Amino acid sequence: MGKIKLPNMRFYTFNGVHAEEKRLGQQLSADVVVHYPIERLVQGDDLATTISYSAVYRTVERVVTTNQFDLIESVALLVMRTLQTEFPQATQVDVAVTKHALPVPGIYDPFTVSVSTAEE
């Protein structure tokens, strides 16, 4: 089984519960892993027989930047479900969405939510 990994894709969005997040926006990042049988599907050196990582990137970019949610959980779920639909040859899709700027007092690293079709 093969994997295409697209780590740390960054997008400026207007997602969040708080009014400032919706008005000012913020950067989110997405990590995506698409699993599929490369050894069986890829014949020769032909892009038509594989999943294009460029197409995966464009799909994630479209979903993340054209939708507005309160929860990054909703962002991650929609990315996962859209990738499942647009790339049916994928056997599993893993998505992690990270929020870097948080309106929460304290000292911490960015918060991440992960979803996977393996868990459905």
PDB file of N, CA and C in Angstrom:
ATOM      1  N   MET A   1       0.857  -1.180   0.000  1.00  0.00           N
ATOM      2  CA  MET A   1       0.000   0.000   0.000  1.00  0.00           C
ATOM      3  C   MET A   1       0.895   1.233   0.000  1.00  0.00           C
ATOM      4  N   GLY A   2       0.557   2.174  -0.836  1.00  0.00           N
ATOM      5  CA  GLY A   2       1.315   3.417  -0.907  1.00  0.00           C
ATOM      6  C   GLY A   2       0.590   4.557  -0.223  1.00  0.00           C
ATOM      7  N   LYS A   3       1.309   5.658  -0.048  1.00  0.00           N
ATOM      8  CA  LYS A   3       0.746   6.846   0.590  1.00  0.00           C
ATOM      9  C   LYS A   3       1.256   8.081  -0.133  1.00  0.00           C
ATOM     10  N   ILE A   4       0.381   9.062  -0.267  1.00  0.00           N
ATOM     11  CA  ILE A   4       0.780  10.404  -0.663  1.00  0.00           C
ATOM     12  C   ILE A   4       0.611  11.266   0.576  1.00  0.00           C
ATOM     13  N   LYS A   5       1.675  11.934   0.988  1.00  0.00           N
ATOM     14  CA  LYS A   5       1.626  12.777   2.181  1.00  0.00           C
ATOM     15  C   LYS A   5       1.790  14.237   1.762  1.00  0.00           C
ATOM     16  N   LEU A   6       0.880  15.063   2.213  1.00  0.00           N
ATOM     17  CA  LEU A   6       0.957  16.504   1.986  1.00  0.00           C
ATOM     18  C   LEU A   6       0.956  17.178   3.363  1.00  0.00           C
ATOM     19  N   PRO A   7       2.139  17.402   3.930  1.00  0.00           N
ATOM     20  CA  PRO A   7       2.208  17.974   5.270  1.00  0.00           C
ATOM     21  C   PRO A   7       2.220  19.500   5.260  1.00  0.00           C
ATOM     22  N   ASN A   8       1.668  20.067   6.312  1.00  0.00           N
ATOM     23  CA  ASN A   8       1.801  21.485   6.627  1.00  0.00           C
ATOM     24  C   ASN A   8       1.368  22.431   5.504  1.00  0.00           C
ATOM     25  N   MET A   9       0.251  22.115   4.859  1.00  0.00           N
ATOM     26  CA  MET A   9      -0.326  23.045   3.881  1.00  0.00           C
ATOM     27  C   MET A   9      -0.964  24.171   4.680  1.00  0.00           C
ATOM     28  N   ARG A  10      -0.650  25.405   4.353  1.00  0.00           N
ATOM     29  CA  ARG A  10      -1.141  26.533   5.144  1.00  0.00           C
ATOM     30  C   ARG A  10      -2.101  27.391   4.332  1.00  0.00           C
ATOM     31  N   PHE A  11      -3.189  27.798   5.000  1.00  0.00           N
ATOM     32  CA  PHE A  11      -4.232  28.573   4.343  1.00  0.00           C
ATOM     33  C   PHE A  11      -4.732  29.655   5.292  1.00  0.00           C
ATOM     34  N   TYR A  12      -5.060  30.806   4.746  1.00  0.00           N
ATOM     35  CA  TYR A  12      -5.659  31.869   5.546  1.00  0.00           C
ATOM     36  C   TYR A  12      -7.171  31.701   5.480  1.00  0.00           C
ATOM     37  N   THR A  13      -7.804  31.612   6.651  1.00  0.00           N
ATOM     38  CA  THR A  13      -9.230  31.308   6.713  1.00  0.00           C
ATOM     39  C   THR A  13      -9.946  32.221   7.696  1.00  0.00           C
ATOM     40  N   PHE A  14     -11.245  32.096   7.734  1.00  0.00           N
ATOM     41  CA  PHE A  14     -12.076  32.859   8.660  1.00  0.00           C
ATOM     42  C   PHE A  14     -12.916  31.899   9.503  1.00  0.00           C
ATOM     43  N   ASN A  15     -12.293  30.805   9.938  1.00  0.00           N
ATOM     44  CA  ASN A  15     -12.954  29.804  10.765  1.00  0.00           C
ATOM     45  C   ASN A  15     -12.728  30.125  12.230  1.00  0.00           C
ATOM     46  N   GLY A  16     -13.702  29.762  13.062  1.00  0.00           N
ATOM     47  CA  GLY A  16     -13.557  29.941  14.498  1.00  0.00           C
ATOM     48  C   GLY A  16     -14.872  30.320  15.146  1.00  0.00           C
ATOM     49  N   VAL A  17     -14.931  30.120  16.427  1.00  0.00           N
ATOM     50  CA  VAL A  17     -16.133  30.416  17.204  1.00  0.00           C
ATOM     51  C   VAL A  17     -16.220  31.908  17.524  1.00  0.00           C
ATOM     52  N   HIS A  18     -15.093  32.526  17.795  1.00  0.00           N
ATOM     53  CA  HIS A  18     -15.069  33.907  18.265  1.00  0.00           C
ATOM     54  C   HIS A  18     -15.219  34.908  17.120  1.00  0.00           C
ATOM     55  N   ALA A  19     -15.878  36.021  17.416  1.00  0.00           N
ATOM     56  CA  ALA A  19     -16.136  37.051  16.407  1.00  0.00           C
ATOM     57  C   ALA A  19     -14.845  37.562  15.773  1.00  0.00           C
ATOM     58  N   GLU A  20     -13.774  37.692  16.574  1.00  0.00           N
ATOM     59  CA  GLU A  20     -12.502  38.181  16.025  1.00  0.00           C
ATOM     60  C   GLU A  20     -11.939  37.219  14.978  1.00  0.00           C
ATOM     61  N   GLU A  21     -12.102  35.938  15.208  1.00  0.00           N
ATOM     62  CA  GLU A  21     -11.611  34.932  14.252  1.00  0.00           C
ATOM     63  C   GLU A  21     -12.359  35.040  12.930  1.00  0.00           C
ATOM     64  N   LYS A  22     -13.653  35.256  13.006  1.00  0.00           N
ATOM     65  CA  LYS A  22     -14.473  35.373  11.797  1.00  0.00           C
ATOM     66  C   LYS A  22     -14.193  36.677  11.054  1.00  0.00           C
ATOM     67  N   ARG A  23     -13.877  37.744  11.813  1.00  0.00           N
ATOM     68  CA  ARG A  23     -13.651  39.052  11.203  1.00  0.00           C
ATOM     69  C   ARG A  23     -12.217  39.211  10.711  1.00  0.00           C
ATOM     70  N   LEU A  24     -11.236  38.852  11.532  1.00  0.00           N
ATOM     71  CA  LEU A  24      -9.829  39.063  11.202  1.00  0.00           C
ATOM     72  C   LEU A  24      -9.208  37.892  10.440  1.00  0.00           C
ATOM     73  N   GLY A  25      -9.744  36.710  10.656  1.00  0.00           N
ATOM     74  CA  GLY A  25      -9.183  35.522  10.026  1.00  0.00           C
ATOM     75  C   GLY A  25      -7.953  35.025  10.759  1.00  0.00           C
ATOM     76  N   GLN A  26      -7.434  33.917  10.275  1.00  0.00           N
ATOM     77  CA  GLN A  26      -6.262  33.292  10.875  1.00  0.00           C
ATOM     78  C   GLN A  26      -5.729  32.217   9.955  1.00  0.00           C
ATOM     79  N   GLN A  27      -4.538  31.785  10.260  1.00  0.00           N
ATOM     80  CA  GLN A  27      -3.921  30.732   9.474  1.00  0.00           C
ATOM     81  C   GLN A  27      -4.232  29.368  10.089  1.00  0.00           C
ATOM     82  N   LEU A  28      -4.655  28.445   9.219  1.00  0.00           N
ATOM     83  CA  LEU A  28      -4.796  27.043   9.608  1.00  0.00           C
ATOM     84  C   LEU A  28      -3.817  26.243   8.763  1.00  0.00           C
ATOM     85  N   SER A  29      -3.380  25.115   9.283  1.00  0.00           N
ATOM     86  CA  SER A  29      -2.591  24.218   8.447  1.00  0.00           C
ATOM     87  C   SER A  29      -3.287  22.866   8.403  1.00  0.00           C
ATOM     88  N   ALA A  30      -3.045  22.167   7.319  1.00  0.00           N
ATOM     89  CA  ALA A  30      -3.630  20.836   7.136  1.00  0.00           C
ATOM     90  C   ALA A  30      -2.539  19.861   6.732  1.00  0.00           C
ATOM     91  N   ASP A  31      -2.587  18.696   7.342  1.00  0.00           N
ATOM     92  CA  ASP A  31      -1.736  17.569   6.965  1.00  0.00           C
ATOM     93  C   ASP A  31      -2.658  16.491   6.428  1.00  0.00           C
ATOM     94  N   VAL A  32      -2.344  15.990   5.245  1.00  0.00           N
ATOM     95  CA  VAL A  32      -3.187  14.979   4.617  1.00  0.00           C
ATOM     96  C   VAL A  32      -2.325  13.797   4.195  1.00  0.00           C
ATOM     97  N   VAL A  33      -2.838  12.598   4.458  1.00  0.00           N
ATOM     98  CA  VAL A  33      -2.231  11.378   3.943  1.00  0.00           C
ATOM     99  C   VAL A  33      -3.319  10.613   3.203  1.00  0.00           C
ATOM    100  N   VAL A  34      -3.052  10.312   1.939  1.00  0.00           N
ATOM    101  CA  VAL A  34      -3.974   9.538   1.112  1.00  0.00           C
ATOM    102  C   VAL A  34      -3.330   8.180   0.868  1.00  0.00           C
ATOM    103  N   HIS A  35      -3.983   7.125   1.314  1.00  0.00           N
ATOM    104  CA  HIS A  35      -3.486   5.760   1.137  1.00  0.00           C
ATOM    105  C   HIS A  35      -4.159   5.156  -0.093  1.00  0.00           C
ATOM    106  N   TYR A  36      -3.376   4.507  -0.921  1.00  0.00           N
ATOM    107  CA  TYR A  36      -3.968   3.780  -2.040  1.00  0.00           C
ATOM    108  C   TYR A  36      -2.935   2.808  -2.601  1.00  0.00           C
ATOM    109  N   PRO A  37      -3.406   1.777  -3.323  1.00  0.00           N
ATOM    110  CA  PRO A  37      -2.496   0.726  -3.802  1.00  0.00           C
ATOM    111  C   PRO A  37      -1.665   1.182  -5.006  1.00  0.00           C
ATOM    112  N   ILE A  38      -0.643   1.954  -4.723  1.00  0.00           N
ATOM    113  CA  ILE A  38       0.238   2.452  -5.788  1.00  0.00           C
ATOM    114  C   ILE A  38       0.798   1.296  -6.604  1.00  0.00           C
ATOM    115  N   GLU A  39       1.214   0.253  -5.917  1.00  0.00           N
ATOM    116  CA  GLU A  39       1.852  -0.877  -6.604  1.00  0.00           C
ATOM    117  C   GLU A  39       0.920  -1.564  -7.600  1.00  0.00           C
ATOM    118  N   ARG A  40      -0.383  -1.449  -7.395  1.00  0.00           N
ATOM    119  CA  ARG A  40      -1.347  -2.077  -8.296  1.00  0.00           C
ATOM    120  C   ARG A  40      -1.874  -1.099  -9.343  1.00  0.00           C
ATOM    121  N   LEU A  41      -2.060   0.156  -8.950  1.00  0.00           N
ATOM    122  CA  LEU A  41      -2.703   1.123  -9.840  1.00  0.00           C
ATOM    123  C   LEU A  41      -1.749   1.849 -10.783  1.00  0.00           C
ATOM    124  N   VAL A  42      -0.553   2.144 -10.323  1.00  0.00           N
ATOM    125  CA  VAL A  42       0.364   2.932 -11.145  1.00  0.00           C
ATOM    126  C   VAL A  42       1.020   2.021 -12.176  1.00  0.00           C
ATOM    127  N   GLN A  43       0.702   2.301 -13.423  1.00  0.00           N
ATOM    128  CA  GLN A  43       1.244   1.520 -14.526  1.00  0.00           C
ATOM    129  C   GLN A  43       2.178   2.411 -15.340  1.00  0.00           C
ATOM    130  N   GLY A  44       3.442   2.063 -15.355  1.00  0.00           N
ATOM    131  CA  GLY A  44       4.400   2.897 -16.065  1.00  0.00           C
ATOM    132  C   GLY A  44       4.606   4.198 -15.309  1.00  0.00           C
ATOM    133  N   ASP A  45       4.931   5.194 -16.051  1.00  0.00           N
ATOM    134  CA  ASP A  45       5.214   6.505 -15.477  1.00  0.00           C
ATOM    135  C   ASP A  45       4.134   7.476 -15.930  1.00  0.00           C
ATOM    136  N   ASP A  46       2.860   7.120 -15.648  1.00  0.00           N
ATOM    137  CA  ASP A  46       1.715   7.830 -16.197  1.00  0.00           C
ATOM    138  C   ASP A  46       0.892   8.466 -15.085  1.00  0.00           C
ATOM    139  N   LEU A  47       0.793   9.786 -15.100  1.00  0.00           N
ATOM    140  CA  LEU A  47       0.032  10.517 -14.091  1.00  0.00           C
ATOM    141  C   LEU A  47      -1.432  10.092 -14.056  1.00  0.00           C
ATOM    142  N   ALA A  48      -1.954   9.647 -15.178  1.00  0.00           N
ATOM    143  CA  ALA A  48      -3.356   9.247 -15.251  1.00  0.00           C
ATOM    144  C   ALA A  48      -3.662   8.006 -14.411  1.00  0.00           C
ATOM    145  N   THR A  49      -2.653   7.255 -14.010  1.00  0.00           N
ATOM    146  CA  THR A  49      -2.888   6.031 -13.238  1.00  0.00           C
ATOM    147  C   THR A  49      -2.627   6.215 -11.746  1.00  0.00           C
ATOM    148  N   THR A  50      -2.425   7.428 -11.326  1.00  0.00           N
ATOM    149  CA  THR A  50      -2.136   7.676  -9.912  1.00  0.00           C
ATOM    150  C   THR A  50      -3.055   8.770  -9.385  1.00  0.00           C
ATOM    151  N   ILE A  51      -2.904   9.094  -8.122  1.00  0.00           N
ATOM    152  CA  ILE A  51      -3.589  10.239  -7.537  1.00  0.00           C
ATOM    153  C   ILE A  51      -2.587  11.387  -7.567  1.00  0.00           C
ATOM    154  N   SER A  52      -2.949  12.456  -8.199  1.00  0.00           N
ATOM    155  CA  SER A  52      -2.062  13.612  -8.318  1.00  0.00           C
ATOM    156  C   SER A  52      -2.019  14.383  -7.009  1.00  0.00           C
ATOM    157  N   TYR A  53      -0.827  14.558  -6.461  1.00  0.00           N
ATOM    158  CA  TYR A  53      -0.738  15.343  -5.232  1.00  0.00           C
ATOM    159  C   TYR A  53      -1.116  16.799  -5.475  1.00  0.00           C
ATOM    160  N   SER A  54      -0.934  17.287  -6.692  1.00  0.00           N
ATOM    161  CA  SER A  54      -1.383  18.645  -7.028  1.00  0.00           C
ATOM    162  C   SER A  54      -2.902  18.750  -6.939  1.00  0.00           C
ATOM    163  N   ALA A  55      -3.593  17.725  -7.418  1.00  0.00           N
ATOM    164  CA  ALA A  55      -5.053  17.709  -7.353  1.00  0.00           C
ATOM    165  C   ALA A  55      -5.524  17.607  -5.902  1.00  0.00           C
ATOM    166  N   VAL A  56      -4.828  16.824  -5.098  1.00  0.00           N
ATOM    167  CA  VAL A  56      -5.171  16.725  -3.677  1.00  0.00           C
ATOM    168  C   VAL A  56      -4.999  18.094  -3.017  1.00  0.00           C
ATOM    169  N   TYR A  57      -3.881  18.754  -3.291  1.00  0.00           N
ATOM    170  CA  TYR A  57      -3.645  20.086  -2.723  1.00  0.00           C
ATOM    171  C   TYR A  57      -4.761  21.057  -3.112  1.00  0.00           C
ATOM    172  N   ARG A  58      -5.099  21.090  -4.384  1.00  0.00           N
ATOM    173  CA  ARG A  58      -6.148  22.015  -4.853  1.00  0.00           C
ATOM    174  C   ARG A  58      -7.490  21.721  -4.180  1.00  0.00           C
ATOM    175  N   THR A  59      -7.788  20.458  -3.971  1.00  0.00           N
ATOM    176  CA  THR A  59      -9.031  20.088  -3.297  1.00  0.00           C
ATOM    177  C   THR A  59      -9.034  20.585  -1.861  1.00  0.00           C
ATOM    178  N   VAL A  60      -7.947  20.342  -1.143  1.00  0.00           N
ATOM    179  CA  VAL A  60      -7.856  20.793   0.247  1.00  0.00           C
ATOM    180  C   VAL A  60      -7.944  22.320   0.301  1.00  0.00           C
ATOM    181  N   GLU A  61      -7.210  22.991  -0.566  1.00  0.00           N
ATOM    182  CA  GLU A  61      -7.233  24.457  -0.604  1.00  0.00           C
ATOM    183  C   GLU A  61      -8.650  24.981  -0.832  1.00  0.00           C
ATOM    184  N   ARG A  62      -9.360  24.395  -1.784  1.00  0.00           N
ATOM    185  CA  ARG A  62     -10.728  24.825  -2.092  1.00  0.00           C
ATOM    186  C   ARG A  62     -11.647  24.648  -0.882  1.00  0.00           C
ATOM    187  N   VAL A  63     -11.582  23.483  -0.259  1.00  0.00           N
ATOM    188  CA  VAL A  63     -12.459  23.198   0.875  1.00  0.00           C
ATOM    189  C   VAL A  63     -12.153  24.128   2.050  1.00  0.00           C
ATOM    190  N   VAL A  64     -10.881  24.298   2.353  1.00  0.00           N
ATOM    191  CA  VAL A  64     -10.502  25.084   3.526  1.00  0.00           C
ATOM    192  C   VAL A  64     -10.771  26.573   3.332  1.00  0.00           C
ATOM    193  N   THR A  65     -10.570  27.076   2.128  1.00  0.00           N
ATOM    194  CA  THR A  65     -10.681  28.527   1.927  1.00  0.00           C
ATOM    195  C   THR A  65     -12.055  29.003   1.466  1.00  0.00           C
ATOM    196  N   THR A  66     -12.943  28.094   1.072  1.00  0.00           N
ATOM    197  CA  THR A  66     -14.260  28.541   0.594  1.00  0.00           C
ATOM    198  C   THR A  66     -15.399  28.190   1.546  1.00  0.00           C
ATOM    199  N   ASN A  67     -15.071  27.606   2.668  1.00  0.00           N
ATOM    200  CA  ASN A  67     -16.082  27.286   3.679  1.00  0.00           C
ATOM    201  C   ASN A  67     -15.711  27.974   4.980  1.00  0.00           C
ATOM    202  N   GLN A  68     -16.718  28.278   5.781  1.00  0.00           N
ATOM    203  CA  GLN A  68     -16.471  28.903   7.070  1.00  0.00           C
ATOM    204  C   GLN A  68     -17.203  28.113   8.141  1.00  0.00           C
ATOM    205  N   PHE A  69     -16.443  27.667   9.124  1.00  0.00           N
ATOM    206  CA  PHE A  69     -16.997  26.872  10.214  1.00  0.00           C
ATOM    207  C   PHE A  69     -16.603  27.465  11.552  1.00  0.00           C
ATOM    208  N   ASP A  70     -17.348  27.121  12.580  1.00  0.00           N
ATOM    209  CA  ASP A  70     -16.944  27.468  13.938  1.00  0.00           C
ATOM    210  C   ASP A  70     -15.823  26.540  14.406  1.00  0.00           C
ATOM    211  N   LEU A  71     -15.911  25.273  14.035  1.00  0.00           N
ATOM    212  CA  LEU A  71     -15.020  24.247  14.581  1.00  0.00           C
ATOM    213  C   LEU A  71     -14.008  23.747  13.547  1.00  0.00           C
ATOM    214  N   ILE A  72     -12.752  23.577  13.984  1.00  0.00           N
ATOM    215  CA  ILE A  72     -11.779  22.973  13.067  1.00  0.00           C
ATOM    216  C   ILE A  72     -12.099  21.492  12.862  1.00  0.00           C
ATOM    217  N   GLU A  73     -12.869  20.913  13.762  1.00  0.00           N
ATOM    218  CA  GLU A  73     -13.335  19.540  13.563  1.00  0.00           C
ATOM    219  C   GLU A  73     -14.168  19.446  12.281  1.00  0.00           C
ATOM    220  N   SER A  74     -15.011  20.455  12.061  1.00  0.00           N
ATOM    221  CA  SER A  74     -15.843  20.480  10.856  1.00  0.00           C
ATOM    222  C   SER A  74     -15.000  20.663   9.603  1.00  0.00           C
ATOM    223  N   VAL A  75     -13.955  21.481   9.701  1.00  0.00           N
ATOM    224  CA  VAL A  75     -13.033  21.657   8.572  1.00  0.00           C
ATOM    225  C   VAL A  75     -12.399  20.309   8.225  1.00  0.00           C
ATOM    226  N   ALA A  76     -11.861  19.628   9.224  1.00  0.00           N
ATOM    227  CA  ALA A  76     -11.185  18.348   9.004  1.00  0.00           C
ATOM    228  C   ALA A  76     -12.136  17.307   8.409  1.00  0.00           C
ATOM    229  N   LEU A  77     -13.349  17.230   8.923  1.00  0.00           N
ATOM    230  CA  LEU A  77     -14.321  16.258   8.403  1.00  0.00           C
ATOM    231  C   LEU A  77     -14.685  16.529   6.954  1.00  0.00           C
ATOM    232  N   LEU A  78     -14.899  17.802   6.615  1.00  0.00           N
ATOM    233  CA  LEU A  78     -15.261  18.111   5.233  1.00  0.00           C
ATOM    234  C   LEU A  78     -14.093  17.842   4.284  1.00  0.00           C
ATOM    235  N   VAL A  79     -12.885  18.149   4.693  1.00  0.00           N
ATOM    236  CA  VAL A  79     -11.712  17.828   3.865  1.00  0.00           C
ATOM    237  C   VAL A  79     -11.642  16.324   3.643  1.00  0.00           C
ATOM    238  N   MET A  80     -11.769  15.542   4.713  1.00  0.00           N
ATOM    239  CA  MET A  80     -11.685  14.084   4.601  1.00  0.00           C
ATOM    240  C   MET A  80     -12.767  13.531   3.671  1.00  0.00           C
ATOM    241  N   ARG A  81     -13.992  13.952   3.876  1.00  0.00           N
ATOM    242  CA  ARG A  81     -15.107  13.434   3.067  1.00  0.00           C
ATOM    243  C   ARG A  81     -14.998  13.863   1.604  1.00  0.00           C
ATOM    244  N   THR A  82     -14.535  15.086   1.373  1.00  0.00           N
ATOM    245  CA  THR A  82     -14.374  15.559  -0.005  1.00  0.00           C
ATOM    246  C   THR A  82     -13.268  14.782  -0.715  1.00  0.00           C
ATOM    247  N   LEU A  83     -12.161  14.527  -0.029  1.00  0.00           N
ATOM    248  CA  LEU A  83     -11.083  13.741  -0.639  1.00  0.00           C
ATOM    249  C   LEU A  83     -11.549  12.316  -0.931  1.00  0.00           C
ATOM    250  N   GLN A  84     -12.326  11.743  -0.037  1.00  0.00           N
ATOM    251  CA  GLN A  84     -12.890  10.403  -0.270  1.00  0.00           C
ATOM    252  C   GLN A  84     -13.723  10.381  -1.540  1.00  0.00           C
ATOM    253  N   THR A  85     -14.539  11.397  -1.715  1.00  0.00           N
ATOM    254  CA  THR A  85     -15.428  11.469  -2.870  1.00  0.00           C
ATOM    255  C   THR A  85     -14.653  11.723  -4.160  1.00  0.00           C
ATOM    256  N   GLU A  86     -13.724  12.661  -4.126  1.00  0.00           N
ATOM    257  CA  GLU A  86     -13.014  13.048  -5.340  1.00  0.00           C
ATOM    258  C   GLU A  86     -11.915  12.068  -5.749  1.00  0.00           C
ATOM    259  N   PHE A  87     -11.464  11.240  -4.817  1.00  0.00           N
ATOM    260  CA  PHE A  87     -10.413  10.260  -5.121  1.00  0.00           C
ATOM    261  C   PHE A  87     -10.861   8.878  -4.634  1.00  0.00           C
ATOM    262  N   PRO A  88     -11.807   8.275  -5.350  1.00  0.00           N
ATOM    263  CA  PRO A  88     -12.389   7.006  -4.890  1.00  0.00           C
ATOM    264  C   PRO A  88     -11.389   5.842  -4.845  1.00  0.00           C
ATOM    265  N   GLN A  89     -10.261   5.972  -5.535  1.00  0.00           N
ATOM    266  CA  GLN A  89      -9.252   4.909  -5.481  1.00  0.00           C
ATOM    267  C   GLN A  89      -8.501   4.907  -4.141  1.00  0.00           C
ATOM    268  N   ALA A  90      -8.688   5.935  -3.331  1.00  0.00           N
ATOM    269  CA  ALA A  90      -8.057   5.983  -2.007  1.00  0.00           C
ATOM    270  C   ALA A  90      -8.721   4.963  -1.088  1.00  0.00           C
ATOM    271  N   THR A  91      -7.913   4.220  -0.371  1.00  0.00           N
ATOM    272  CA  THR A  91      -8.437   3.234   0.569  1.00  0.00           C
ATOM    273  C   THR A  91      -8.566   3.806   1.977  1.00  0.00           C
ATOM    274  N   GLN A  92      -7.858   4.903   2.231  1.00  0.00           N
ATOM    275  CA  GLN A  92      -7.931   5.571   3.527  1.00  0.00           C
ATOM    276  C   GLN A  92      -7.465   7.005   3.340  1.00  0.00           C
ATOM    277  N   VAL A  93      -8.092   7.917   4.073  1.00  0.00           N
ATOM    278  CA  VAL A  93      -7.696   9.322   4.056  1.00  0.00           C
ATOM    279  C   VAL A  93      -7.546   9.781   5.505  1.00  0.00           C
ATOM    280  N   ASP A  94      -6.378  10.346   5.830  1.00  0.00           N
ATOM    281  CA  ASP A  94      -6.113  10.881   7.153  1.00  0.00           C
ATOM    282  C   ASP A  94      -5.939  12.396   7.028  1.00  0.00           C
ATOM    283  N   VAL A  95      -6.606  13.143   7.890  1.00  0.00           N
ATOM    284  CA  VAL A  95      -6.536  14.604   7.846  1.00  0.00           C
ATOM    285  C   VAL A  95      -6.309  15.136   9.249  1.00  0.00           C
ATOM    286  N   ALA A  96      -5.374  16.066   9.363  1.00  0.00           N
ATOM    287  CA  ALA A  96      -5.161  16.792  10.614  1.00  0.00           C
ATOM    288  C   ALA A  96      -5.211  18.277  10.297  1.00  0.00           C
ATOM    289  N   VAL A  97      -5.981  19.023  11.068  1.00  0.00           N
ATOM    290  CA  VAL A  97      -6.086  20.473  10.903  1.00  0.00           C
ATOM    291  C   VAL A  97      -5.574  21.114  12.184  1.00  0.00           C
ATOM    292  N   THR A  98      -4.666  22.065  12.012  1.00  0.00           N
ATOM    293  CA  THR A  98      -4.035  22.729  13.155  1.00  0.00           C
ATOM    294  C   THR A  98      -4.386  24.207  13.162  1.00  0.00           C
ATOM    295  N   LYS A  99      -4.753  24.674  14.330  1.00  0.00           N
ATOM    296  CA  LYS A  99      -5.054  26.090  14.549  1.00  0.00           C
ATOM    297  C   LYS A  99      -3.861  26.678  15.295  1.00  0.00           C
ATOM    298  N   HIS A 100      -3.214  27.655  14.682  1.00  0.00           N
ATOM    299  CA  HIS A 100      -1.971  28.193  15.233  1.00  0.00           C
ATOM    300  C   HIS A 100      -2.190  29.361  16.190  1.00  0.00           C
ATOM    301  N   ALA A 101      -3.190  30.186  15.934  1.00  0.00           N
ATOM    302  CA  ALA A 101      -3.480  31.333  16.794  1.00  0.00           C
ATOM    303  C   ALA A 101      -4.759  31.032  17.554  1.00  0.00           C
ATOM    304  N   LEU A 102      -4.644  30.954  18.856  1.00  0.00           N
ATOM    305  CA  LEU A 102      -5.785  30.553  19.672  1.00  0.00           C
ATOM    306  C   LEU A 102      -6.168  31.652  20.651  1.00  0.00           C
ATOM    307  N   PRO A 103      -7.453  31.950  20.739  1.00  0.00           N
ATOM    308  CA  PRO A 103      -7.895  32.960  21.692  1.00  0.00           C
ATOM    309  C   PRO A 103      -8.110  32.360  23.079  1.00  0.00           C
ATOM    310  N   VAL A 104      -7.116  31.626  23.551  1.00  0.00           N
ATOM    311  CA  VAL A 104      -7.193  30.935  24.834  1.00  0.00           C
ATOM    312  C   VAL A 104      -5.986  31.367  25.662  1.00  0.00           C
ATOM    313  N   PRO A 105      -6.194  31.877  26.863  1.00  0.00           N
ATOM    314  CA  PRO A 105      -5.047  32.275  27.677  1.00  0.00           C
ATOM    315  C   PRO A 105      -4.211  31.061  28.073  1.00  0.00           C
ATOM    316  N   GLY A 106      -2.908  31.237  28.067  1.00  0.00           N
ATOM    317  CA  GLY A 106      -2.023  30.156  28.471  1.00  0.00           C
ATOM    318  C   GLY A 106      -0.838  30.034  27.540  1.00  0.00           C
ATOM    319  N   ILE A 107       0.050  29.118  27.859  1.00  0.00           N
ATOM    320  CA  ILE A 107       1.237  28.837  27.045  1.00  0.00           C
ATOM    321  C   ILE A 107       1.089  27.418  26.515  1.00  0.00           C
ATOM    322  N   TYR A 108       1.110  27.284  25.204  1.00  0.00           N
ATOM    323  CA  TYR A 108       0.882  25.978  24.593  1.00  0.00           C
ATOM    324  C   TYR A 108       1.324  26.002  23.137  1.00  0.00           C
ATOM    325  N   ASP A 109       1.446  24.835  22.564  1.00  0.00           N
ATOM    326  CA  ASP A 109       1.685  24.691  21.137  1.00  0.00           C
ATOM    327  C   ASP A 109       0.340  24.762  20.420  1.00  0.00           C
ATOM    328  N   PRO A 110       0.362  24.882  19.097  1.00  0.00           N
ATOM    329  CA  PRO A 110      -0.910  24.918  18.354  1.00  0.00           C
ATOM    330  C   PRO A 110      -1.762  23.678  18.637  1.00  0.00           C
ATOM    331  N   PHE A 111      -3.078  23.833  18.479  1.00  0.00           N
ATOM    332  CA  PHE A 111      -4.026  22.741  18.708  1.00  0.00           C
ATOM    333  C   PHE A 111      -4.343  22.066  17.383  1.00  0.00           C
ATOM    334  N   THR A 112      -4.444  20.738  17.405  1.00  0.00           N
ATOM    335  CA  THR A 112      -4.697  19.957  16.199  1.00  0.00           C
ATOM    336  C   THR A 112      -5.850  18.995  16.424  1.00  0.00           C
ATOM    337  N   VAL A 113      -6.672  18.847  15.385  1.00  0.00           N
ATOM    338  CA  VAL A 113      -7.745  17.850  15.357  1.00  0.00           C
ATOM    339  C   VAL A 113      -7.450  16.909  14.203  1.00  0.00           C
ATOM    340  N   SER A 114      -7.554  15.612  14.440  1.00  0.00           N
ATOM    341  CA  SER A 114      -7.284  14.617  13.399  1.00  0.00           C
ATOM    342  C   SER A 114      -8.492  13.727  13.180  1.00  0.00           C
ATOM    343  N   VAL A 115      -8.722  13.369  11.913  1.00  0.00           N
ATOM    344  CA  VAL A 115      -9.777  12.419  11.552  1.00  0.00           C
ATOM    345  C   VAL A 115      -9.218  11.466  10.511  1.00  0.00           C
ATOM    346  N   SER A 116      -9.820  10.307  10.419  1.00  0.00           N
ATOM    347  CA  SER A 116      -9.370   9.306   9.458  1.00  0.00           C
ATOM    348  C   SER A 116     -10.542   8.445   9.028  1.00  0.00           C
ATOM    349  N   THR A 117     -10.555   8.078   7.758  1.00  0.00           N
ATOM    350  CA  THR A 117     -11.592   7.162   7.295  1.00  0.00           C
ATOM    351  C   THR A 117     -11.394   5.783   7.903  1.00  0.00           C
ATOM    352  N   ALA A 118     -10.220   5.490   8.407  1.00  0.00           N
ATOM    353  CA  ALA A 118      -9.961   4.196   9.071  1.00  0.00           C
ATOM    354  C   ALA A 118     -10.791   4.061  10.337  1.00  0.00           C
ATOM    355  N   GLU A 119     -11.233   5.182  10.887  1.00  0.00           N
ATOM    356  CA  GLU A 119     -11.985   5.176  12.133  1.00  0.00           C
ATOM    357  C   GLU A 119     -13.477   5.165  11.904  1.00  0.00           C
ATOM    358  N   GLU A 120     -13.915   5.300  10.661  1.00  0.00           N
ATOM    359  CA  GLU A 120     -15.361   5.349  10.389  1.00  0.00           C
ATOM    360  C   GLU A 120     -15.965   3.956  10.387  1.00  0.00           C
TER     361      GLU A 120
END
